[in-house]
Amino acid sequence: MFAFQGYVRMPQSSPVLHAVAAVLICLTCVCTGIAQEKRLQGHQKPVTSVLFVDNSSKLISASEDGAVRIWKIDTNTDSELLYKVDSRVACMTLGSDGILLSGTDNGEVIVWSVKQQRRLRSFRAHVNTTRVTTVEGTVISESESSSPLLSIGVSSDGKFIATASSDKTVGVWDMNGKGLHRLVGHTDSVNGVLFSQDNKIVISGGSDRTIRTWDMSTGKIKSIHKRHASDDLDAGISAMALLPGKSALATCGRMSQLFGDYTIRLWDIETGTNQEMTRLPDGAGTCVASNDEHIVFGTSNGQVHLWRRHATDKKPEYKFVKSWNITKISNAVTAIALSKDSKAVAVGGSDNDVIVISP
C-alpha cells in the first residue's frame, strides 16, 4: 500500500539551539531558506504535548510542570496559562468545537473549552481497587488508585474519548466521563490510542510491540498486528498517527535500555500489512504527527524529520524532505505537531525555553 524514497542523514550540530534546561517549542518553516528564531519562556519542566489551534495562529502546550499554556505565535506576548494541576500533564488532544482533552499522571481526564476558557468537567480514569480480605473473604480494607495516562484520543464527531495507560489497558468513555469499555489484552504499557476515521474502531499500540484494533460498539478485539520487533525485548511502539486513507497509520519504534527499534513504519490496519518507511541511524522515533500532505516525527536524539506524501495511481509514496537538529544529542524530542498547511512544525523537548523559528 505504501512506498518511500531515501533517507538523508543530517549533521549532529545546529546553530539554532543554545538553550540549557528549557522546554523547546520550535516552529520551523518547511520550505528552504534561513530561519529566524523567536525565544519565549513559560514552562518549568519538559513539554509533553503540543497542538495547533485557531488555524495554526495559536499553539497549546502541556508540560511535566502540570501547566497547560496557550501561545500566540505571531506576537511577542507571554503565554496565557489555561490551567495548572498538581500532576504531570502527560497527553493532550483537540476535539470538535475547541474542546481540549488532557490526561495526567494521576489518571485524571480534564475536559476544557478553549473558546470559553473554562473547565467543563473532569473524571478519573483507569481506577484500580485494592482489597485486603480474610481467608473467609471478609473485606478488611479497600483502597483506590489511578494509573498514569500515557495517551488520549477523541472521536472525530466529538462524542467519545479513548485513554491509554501504564496499566496495560485502554478505556473508552463518553464526553461526560461515563465508562463504556475497558479494553484488556496488551501485556505492557499502552503508549498510543486513536479512533479510526469512521469512529468504528479504536486503535492502540504499546510496549508489547503490538497494534491492536477494537470494535467500538462492542469493545471486543478485532485484530492484533505485530511487527515492531528487535533483539531487544524492551522495544515496542512509542507513538502513532493516522494518515490519509481509510485505514492508514504511521508508528514509531520505541527506544529502550539496550538497542531499541529505530524504524518508522506505515500500516494498513485493515489488512495488517506494513512496511518500513525509514530506519534511523542514531535514535528511535519518540513522537509523530501528520496532515494530508506530510508526516513529521521527532527522535530520541533531538532530531525532527519531515516526509512528503506523493499520491500515485497505484499507491501513495512518502519522500524525505528535510531534517532539523533541534536539541543537544542527549535530549529527546518529546512532543510534536504539524500545522494543517505544513508551514510550521511545533516540537516539545526537554529545555526550558520556547523557541519559535520562522523563515
Protein backbone atom coordinates (compact mmCIF):
# COMPACT_ATOMS: atom_id res chain seq x y z
CA MET A 1 0.00 0.00 0.00
CA PHE A 2 2.88 2.39 0.71
CA ALA A 3 6.22 3.29 -0.80
CA PHE A 4 9.04 5.52 0.32
CA GLN A 5 12.23 7.02 -1.04
CA GLY A 6 15.53 7.72 0.62
CA TYR A 7 16.88 8.73 3.99
CA VAL A 8 19.33 11.58 4.36
CA ARG A 9 21.45 11.77 7.48
CA MET A 10 21.93 15.30 8.69
CA PRO A 11 24.82 16.76 10.75
CA GLN A 12 24.62 16.44 14.51
CA SER A 13 25.05 20.15 15.24
CA SER A 14 22.78 23.16 14.92
CA PRO A 15 23.23 26.90 15.29
CA VAL A 16 19.58 27.24 16.26
CA LEU A 17 19.74 25.69 19.72
CA HIS A 18 21.63 27.11 22.66
CA ALA A 19 19.04 26.73 25.40
CA VAL A 20 20.01 24.82 28.52
CA ALA A 21 17.34 23.12 30.67
CA ALA A 22 14.48 24.50 28.58
CA VAL A 23 11.18 23.38 27.18
CA LEU A 24 11.58 23.66 23.45
CA ILE A 25 8.84 24.53 21.08
CA CYS A 26 10.25 25.03 17.61
CA LEU A 27 8.14 26.41 14.80
CA THR A 28 10.05 25.77 11.61
CA CYS A 29 9.16 26.73 8.07
CA VAL A 30 9.27 23.60 5.93
CA CYS A 31 10.45 25.45 2.85
CA THR A 32 14.14 26.05 2.23
CA GLY A 33 15.82 29.20 3.47
CA ILE A 34 17.34 30.63 6.61
CA ALA A 35 15.07 30.51 9.62
CA GLN A 36 14.95 33.20 12.33
CA GLU A 37 14.24 32.25 15.87
CA LYS A 38 11.97 33.73 18.50
CA ARG A 39 12.56 32.79 22.11
CA LEU A 40 9.66 32.56 24.58
CA GLN A 41 9.65 31.43 28.19
CA GLY A 42 6.97 29.77 30.29
CA HIS A 43 7.19 26.10 31.24
CA GLN A 44 9.44 24.98 34.07
CA LYS A 45 9.77 21.34 33.02
CA PRO A 46 9.77 19.32 29.74
CA VAL A 47 6.90 19.64 27.30
CA THR A 48 4.80 16.51 26.86
CA SER A 49 2.34 17.58 24.16
CA VAL A 50 1.77 20.39 21.63
CA LEU A 51 -1.26 21.25 19.47
CA PHE A 52 -2.05 23.92 16.88
CA VAL A 53 -5.38 25.77 17.24
CA ASP A 54 -7.23 28.65 15.54
CA ASN A 55 -5.93 27.91 12.04
CA SER A 56 -2.43 27.45 13.45
CA SER A 57 -2.27 31.02 14.76
CA LYS A 58 -2.01 29.69 18.31
CA LEU A 59 -0.25 26.80 19.99
CA ILE A 60 -1.23 24.89 23.13
CA SER A 61 1.47 23.15 25.14
CA ALA A 62 1.36 20.81 28.13
CA SER A 63 4.23 20.05 30.45
CA GLU A 64 5.54 17.91 33.27
CA ASP A 65 5.15 21.04 35.43
CA GLY A 66 1.38 20.48 35.36
CA ALA A 67 0.69 23.59 33.30
CA VAL A 68 -1.22 23.88 30.03
CA ARG A 69 -0.41 27.10 28.17
CA ILE A 70 -1.60 28.82 25.00
CA TRP A 71 0.75 30.91 22.84
CA LYS A 72 0.03 33.49 20.16
CA ILE A 73 2.57 32.51 17.55
CA ASP A 74 2.79 35.79 15.65
CA THR A 75 3.23 38.09 18.66
CA ASN A 76 5.84 38.59 21.35
CA THR A 77 3.33 38.44 24.20
CA ASP A 78 3.78 35.98 27.01
CA SER A 79 1.81 32.76 27.04
CA GLU A 80 -1.52 32.55 28.80
CA LEU A 81 -1.92 29.88 31.45
CA LEU A 82 -5.07 27.91 30.66
CA TYR A 83 -4.85 25.78 33.79
CA LYS A 84 -2.43 24.08 36.13
CA VAL A 85 -2.75 20.83 38.07
CA ASP A 86 -0.65 19.15 40.74
CA SER A 87 0.30 16.25 38.49
CA ARG A 88 2.26 15.87 35.26
CA VAL A 89 0.08 16.53 32.22
CA ALA A 90 1.13 13.61 30.03
CA CYS A 91 -1.01 13.92 26.88
CA MET A 92 -3.48 16.14 25.04
CA THR A 93 -5.79 16.04 22.05
CA LEU A 94 -8.21 18.51 20.49
CA GLY A 95 -11.81 17.60 19.77
CA SER A 96 -14.55 19.35 17.86
CA ASP A 97 -15.70 22.87 18.82
CA GLY A 98 -12.43 23.68 20.54
CA ILE A 99 -12.73 21.05 23.26
CA LEU A 100 -9.30 20.28 24.71
CA LEU A 101 -8.79 16.93 26.41
CA SER A 102 -5.80 16.18 28.58
CA GLY A 103 -4.65 13.26 30.71
CA THR A 104 -2.46 13.33 33.80
CA ASP A 105 -0.14 11.07 35.74
CA ASN A 106 -2.75 10.67 38.46
CA GLY A 107 -5.28 9.30 35.99
CA GLU A 108 -7.42 12.42 35.62
CA VAL A 109 -9.05 13.37 32.30
CA ILE A 110 -9.67 17.13 32.02
CA VAL A 111 -12.23 18.44 29.53
CA TRP A 112 -11.56 22.11 28.78
CA SER A 113 -13.29 24.59 26.45
CA VAL A 114 -10.69 26.68 24.63
CA LYS A 115 -13.38 29.09 23.42
CA GLN A 116 -14.98 29.60 26.83
CA GLN A 117 -11.66 29.43 28.70
CA ARG A 118 -13.03 27.17 31.41
CA ARG A 119 -13.04 23.60 32.64
CA LEU A 120 -16.18 21.79 31.60
CA ARG A 121 -15.59 18.66 33.66
CA SER A 122 -13.00 16.14 34.78
CA PHE A 123 -13.08 12.49 35.77
CA ARG A 124 -10.77 9.77 36.98
CA ALA A 125 -9.87 7.06 34.51
CA HIS A 126 -8.19 3.66 34.94
CA VAL A 127 -9.13 3.39 38.62
CA ASN A 128 -7.85 0.22 40.26
CA THR A 129 -9.29 -1.08 43.52
CA THR A 130 -7.16 -2.98 46.02
CA ARG A 131 -8.92 -5.08 48.65
CA VAL A 132 -7.46 -6.87 51.64
CA THR A 133 -9.64 -9.77 52.82
CA THR A 134 -9.60 -12.53 55.40
CA VAL A 135 -9.40 -16.18 54.41
CA GLU A 136 -13.18 -16.30 54.66
CA GLY A 137 -13.48 -13.39 52.21
CA THR A 138 -14.35 -10.63 54.63
CA VAL A 139 -13.03 -7.27 53.37
CA ILE A 140 -10.63 -5.76 55.90
CA SER A 141 -9.63 -2.69 53.88
CA GLU A 142 -10.19 -1.22 50.45
CA SER A 143 -8.31 1.49 48.54
CA GLU A 144 -8.41 3.00 45.08
CA SER A 145 -5.64 4.32 42.86
CA SER A 146 -5.45 5.55 39.28
CA SER A 147 -2.77 4.56 36.81
CA PRO A 148 -0.93 7.25 34.78
CA LEU A 149 -2.42 8.14 31.42
CA LEU A 150 0.02 7.93 28.50
CA SER A 151 -2.17 8.86 25.52
CA ILE A 152 -5.62 10.24 24.84
CA GLY A 153 -7.77 10.24 21.71
CA VAL A 154 -11.12 11.69 20.71
CA SER A 155 -13.56 10.57 18.03
CA SER A 156 -13.99 12.89 15.05
CA ASP A 157 -17.63 13.53 15.99
CA GLY A 158 -16.54 14.66 19.46
CA LYS A 159 -18.70 12.11 21.26
CA PHE A 160 -16.15 9.64 22.67
CA ILE A 161 -12.80 9.61 24.43
CA ALA A 162 -10.17 6.85 24.49
CA THR A 163 -7.40 6.71 27.10
CA ALA A 164 -4.24 4.58 27.16
CA SER A 165 -2.49 3.77 30.41
CA SER A 166 0.52 2.18 32.00
CA ASP A 167 -1.89 -0.39 33.49
CA LYS A 168 -1.86 -2.18 30.06
CA THR A 169 -5.47 -1.25 29.24
CA VAL A 170 -7.45 1.17 27.09
CA GLY A 171 -10.54 2.95 28.40
CA VAL A 172 -13.42 4.20 26.24
CA TRP A 173 -15.69 6.91 27.65
CA ASP A 174 -18.43 9.28 26.61
CA MET A 175 -17.78 13.01 26.94
CA ASN A 176 -19.37 13.07 30.40
CA GLY A 177 -16.88 10.52 31.72
CA LYS A 178 -19.19 7.51 31.66
CA GLY A 179 -17.14 4.37 31.12
CA LEU A 180 -18.19 2.38 28.05
CA HIS A 181 -15.43 -0.21 27.59
CA ARG A 182 -12.24 -1.31 29.25
CA LEU A 183 -10.11 -2.93 26.55
CA VAL A 184 -7.86 -5.63 28.01
CA GLY A 185 -5.23 -7.53 26.04
CA HIS A 186 -1.96 -5.63 25.90
CA THR A 187 0.78 -7.21 28.00
CA ASP A 188 2.69 -3.97 28.65
CA SER A 189 2.05 -0.23 28.82
CA VAL A 190 -0.21 1.19 26.11
CA ASN A 191 1.60 4.22 24.66
CA GLY A 192 -0.81 5.35 21.96
CA VAL A 193 -4.53 5.30 21.22
CA LEU A 194 -6.60 6.63 18.31
CA PHE A 195 -10.04 6.35 16.76
CA SER A 196 -10.30 5.30 13.13
CA GLN A 197 -11.53 7.99 10.77
CA ASP A 198 -15.04 6.49 10.71
CA ASN A 199 -15.02 6.14 14.55
CA LYS A 200 -15.89 2.45 14.32
CA ILE A 201 -12.53 1.16 15.53
CA VAL A 202 -10.24 2.01 18.44
CA ILE A 203 -6.55 1.54 17.59
CA SER A 204 -3.95 1.04 20.32
CA GLY A 205 -0.19 0.47 20.32
CA GLY A 206 2.08 -0.46 23.18
CA SER A 207 5.39 -1.52 24.60
CA ASP A 208 4.39 -5.15 23.92
CA ARG A 209 5.22 -4.48 20.23
CA THR A 210 1.62 -4.88 19.09
CA ILE A 211 -1.01 -2.75 17.42
CA ARG A 212 -4.50 -3.86 18.35
CA THR A 213 -7.83 -2.88 16.86
CA TRP A 214 -11.06 -2.99 18.84
CA ASP A 215 -14.71 -2.81 17.83
CA MET A 216 -16.01 0.50 19.16
CA SER A 217 -19.58 -0.74 19.59
CA THR A 218 -18.79 -3.96 21.49
CA GLY A 219 -15.32 -3.38 22.94
CA LYS A 220 -14.16 -6.72 21.54
CA ILE A 221 -10.76 -7.28 19.94
CA LYS A 222 -10.77 -7.28 16.13
CA SER A 223 -7.12 -7.84 15.23
CA ILE A 224 -3.57 -7.97 16.61
CA HIS A 225 -0.65 -6.86 14.44
CA LYS A 226 2.96 -7.34 15.46
CA ARG A 227 5.96 -6.00 13.59
CA HIS A 228 7.99 -3.55 15.68
CA ALA A 229 10.39 -6.25 16.89
CA SER A 230 14.12 -6.19 17.52
CA ASP A 231 16.64 -8.17 19.51
CA ASP A 232 15.77 -6.00 22.50
CA LEU A 233 12.82 -7.44 24.40
CA ASP A 234 12.06 -3.97 25.79
CA ALA A 235 11.34 -2.45 22.36
CA GLY A 236 7.80 -1.60 21.31
CA ILE A 237 5.66 1.19 19.84
CA SER A 238 6.17 4.69 21.19
CA ALA A 239 3.73 6.77 19.12
CA MET A 240 1.12 6.58 16.34
CA ALA A 241 -0.60 8.92 13.87
CA LEU A 242 -3.42 8.47 11.38
CA LEU A 243 -2.61 9.04 7.70
CA PRO A 244 -4.85 9.92 4.74
CA GLY A 245 -6.92 6.93 3.74
CA LYS A 246 -9.49 4.75 5.45
CA SER A 247 -7.05 2.60 7.44
CA ALA A 248 -3.56 4.09 7.07
CA LEU A 249 -1.33 4.53 10.12
CA ALA A 250 2.26 5.54 10.94
CA THR A 251 4.10 4.23 14.00
CA CYS A 252 7.43 4.86 15.71
CA GLY A 253 9.51 2.11 17.25
CA ARG A 254 10.37 2.62 20.89
CA MET A 255 13.71 3.49 22.49
CA SER A 256 14.89 1.14 25.23
CA GLN A 257 17.83 0.47 27.50
CA LEU A 258 19.59 -1.79 25.02
CA PHE A 259 19.10 -1.40 21.27
CA GLY A 260 15.50 -0.32 20.74
CA ASP A 261 13.59 -0.20 17.47
CA TYR A 262 14.74 2.65 15.23
CA THR A 263 12.15 2.23 12.47
CA ILE A 264 9.19 4.29 11.31
CA ARG A 265 6.56 2.01 9.80
CA LEU A 266 3.49 2.53 7.60
CA TRP A 267 0.46 0.29 8.11
CA ASP A 268 -2.81 -0.72 6.56
CA ILE A 269 -4.77 -1.53 9.69
CA GLU A 270 -7.49 -3.43 7.85
CA THR A 271 -5.07 -5.98 6.39
CA GLY A 272 -2.22 -5.73 8.88
CA THR A 273 0.30 -5.20 6.10
CA ASN A 274 3.12 -2.80 6.88
CA GLN A 275 6.48 -1.70 5.65
CA GLU A 276 9.46 0.19 6.93
CA MET A 277 9.42 3.82 5.80
CA THR A 278 12.85 4.57 7.23
CA ARG A 279 15.36 3.24 9.72
CA LEU A 280 17.03 5.91 11.83
CA PRO A 281 20.80 5.55 12.29
CA ASP A 282 21.20 7.19 15.71
CA GLY A 283 17.96 7.27 17.69
CA ALA A 284 14.42 5.97 17.90
CA GLY A 285 11.27 7.86 16.98
CA THR A 286 9.57 9.36 20.02
CA CYS A 287 6.54 11.18 18.56
CA VAL A 288 4.81 11.54 15.20
CA ALA A 289 2.24 13.83 13.59
CA SER A 290 0.68 14.09 10.16
CA ASN A 291 -1.67 16.01 7.89
CA ASP A 292 -2.94 15.41 4.36
CA GLU A 293 0.46 16.10 2.81
CA HIS A 294 3.23 15.31 5.29
CA ILE A 295 4.50 13.14 8.13
CA VAL A 296 6.79 14.64 10.73
CA PHE A 297 8.44 12.79 13.61
CA GLY A 298 10.86 13.54 16.43
CA THR A 299 13.63 11.33 17.71
CA SER A 300 15.35 10.38 20.94
CA ASN A 301 18.49 12.27 19.88
CA GLY A 302 16.82 15.62 19.24
CA GLN A 303 16.10 15.49 15.52
CA VAL A 304 12.95 16.25 13.51
CA HIS A 305 12.33 14.60 10.13
CA LEU A 306 9.79 15.72 7.54
CA TRP A 307 8.45 13.48 4.74
CA ARG A 308 6.06 14.46 1.94
CA ARG A 309 3.21 12.35 0.61
CA HIS A 310 3.02 11.80 -3.14
CA ALA A 311 -0.17 10.13 -4.35
CA THR A 312 0.15 7.92 -7.42
CA ASP A 313 -2.30 5.81 -9.39
CA LYS A 314 -1.12 2.67 -7.61
CA LYS A 315 -0.22 3.77 -4.10
CA PRO A 316 0.87 6.79 -2.04
CA GLU A 317 4.57 7.40 -1.66
CA TYR A 318 6.41 9.24 1.10
CA LYS A 319 9.62 11.03 0.19
CA PHE A 320 12.16 12.54 2.53
CA VAL A 321 12.11 16.37 2.61
CA LYS A 322 14.26 17.72 5.42
CA SER A 323 15.72 17.17 8.89
CA TRP A 324 16.49 19.54 11.73
CA ASN A 325 18.74 19.09 14.75
CA ILE A 326 16.58 20.54 17.48
CA THR A 327 18.22 19.87 20.82
CA LYS A 328 21.52 18.56 22.07
CA ILE A 329 22.08 14.95 21.09
CA SER A 330 21.45 13.81 24.67
CA ASN A 331 17.99 15.43 24.70
CA ALA A 332 14.94 13.80 23.15
CA VAL A 333 12.13 15.42 21.23
CA THR A 334 9.17 14.73 23.49
CA ALA A 335 6.20 16.17 21.55
CA ILE A 336 5.44 17.24 18.00
CA ALA A 337 2.65 18.85 15.97
CA LEU A 338 2.22 19.82 12.32
CA SER A 339 0.07 22.69 11.09
CA LYS A 340 -2.61 21.88 8.53
CA ASP A 341 -0.84 23.89 5.83
CA SER A 342 2.55 22.29 6.65
CA LYS A 343 4.12 25.71 7.14
CA ALA A 344 5.02 25.10 10.77
CA VAL A 345 6.18 22.25 12.99
CA ALA A 346 5.84 22.51 16.76
CA VAL A 347 8.32 20.49 18.76
CA GLY A 348 8.38 19.92 22.50
CA GLY A 349 11.67 18.98 24.14
CA SER A 350 13.46 18.96 27.45
CA ASP A 351 14.83 22.54 27.54
CA ASN A 352 13.26 25.45 29.46
CA ASP A 353 12.67 27.95 26.64
CA VAL A 354 10.12 28.21 23.89
CA ILE A 355 11.80 28.83 20.54
CA VAL A 356 9.79 29.94 17.52
CA ILE A 357 11.54 29.58 14.19
CA SER A 358 10.18 31.13 11.00
CA PRO A 359 11.71 31.91 7.60
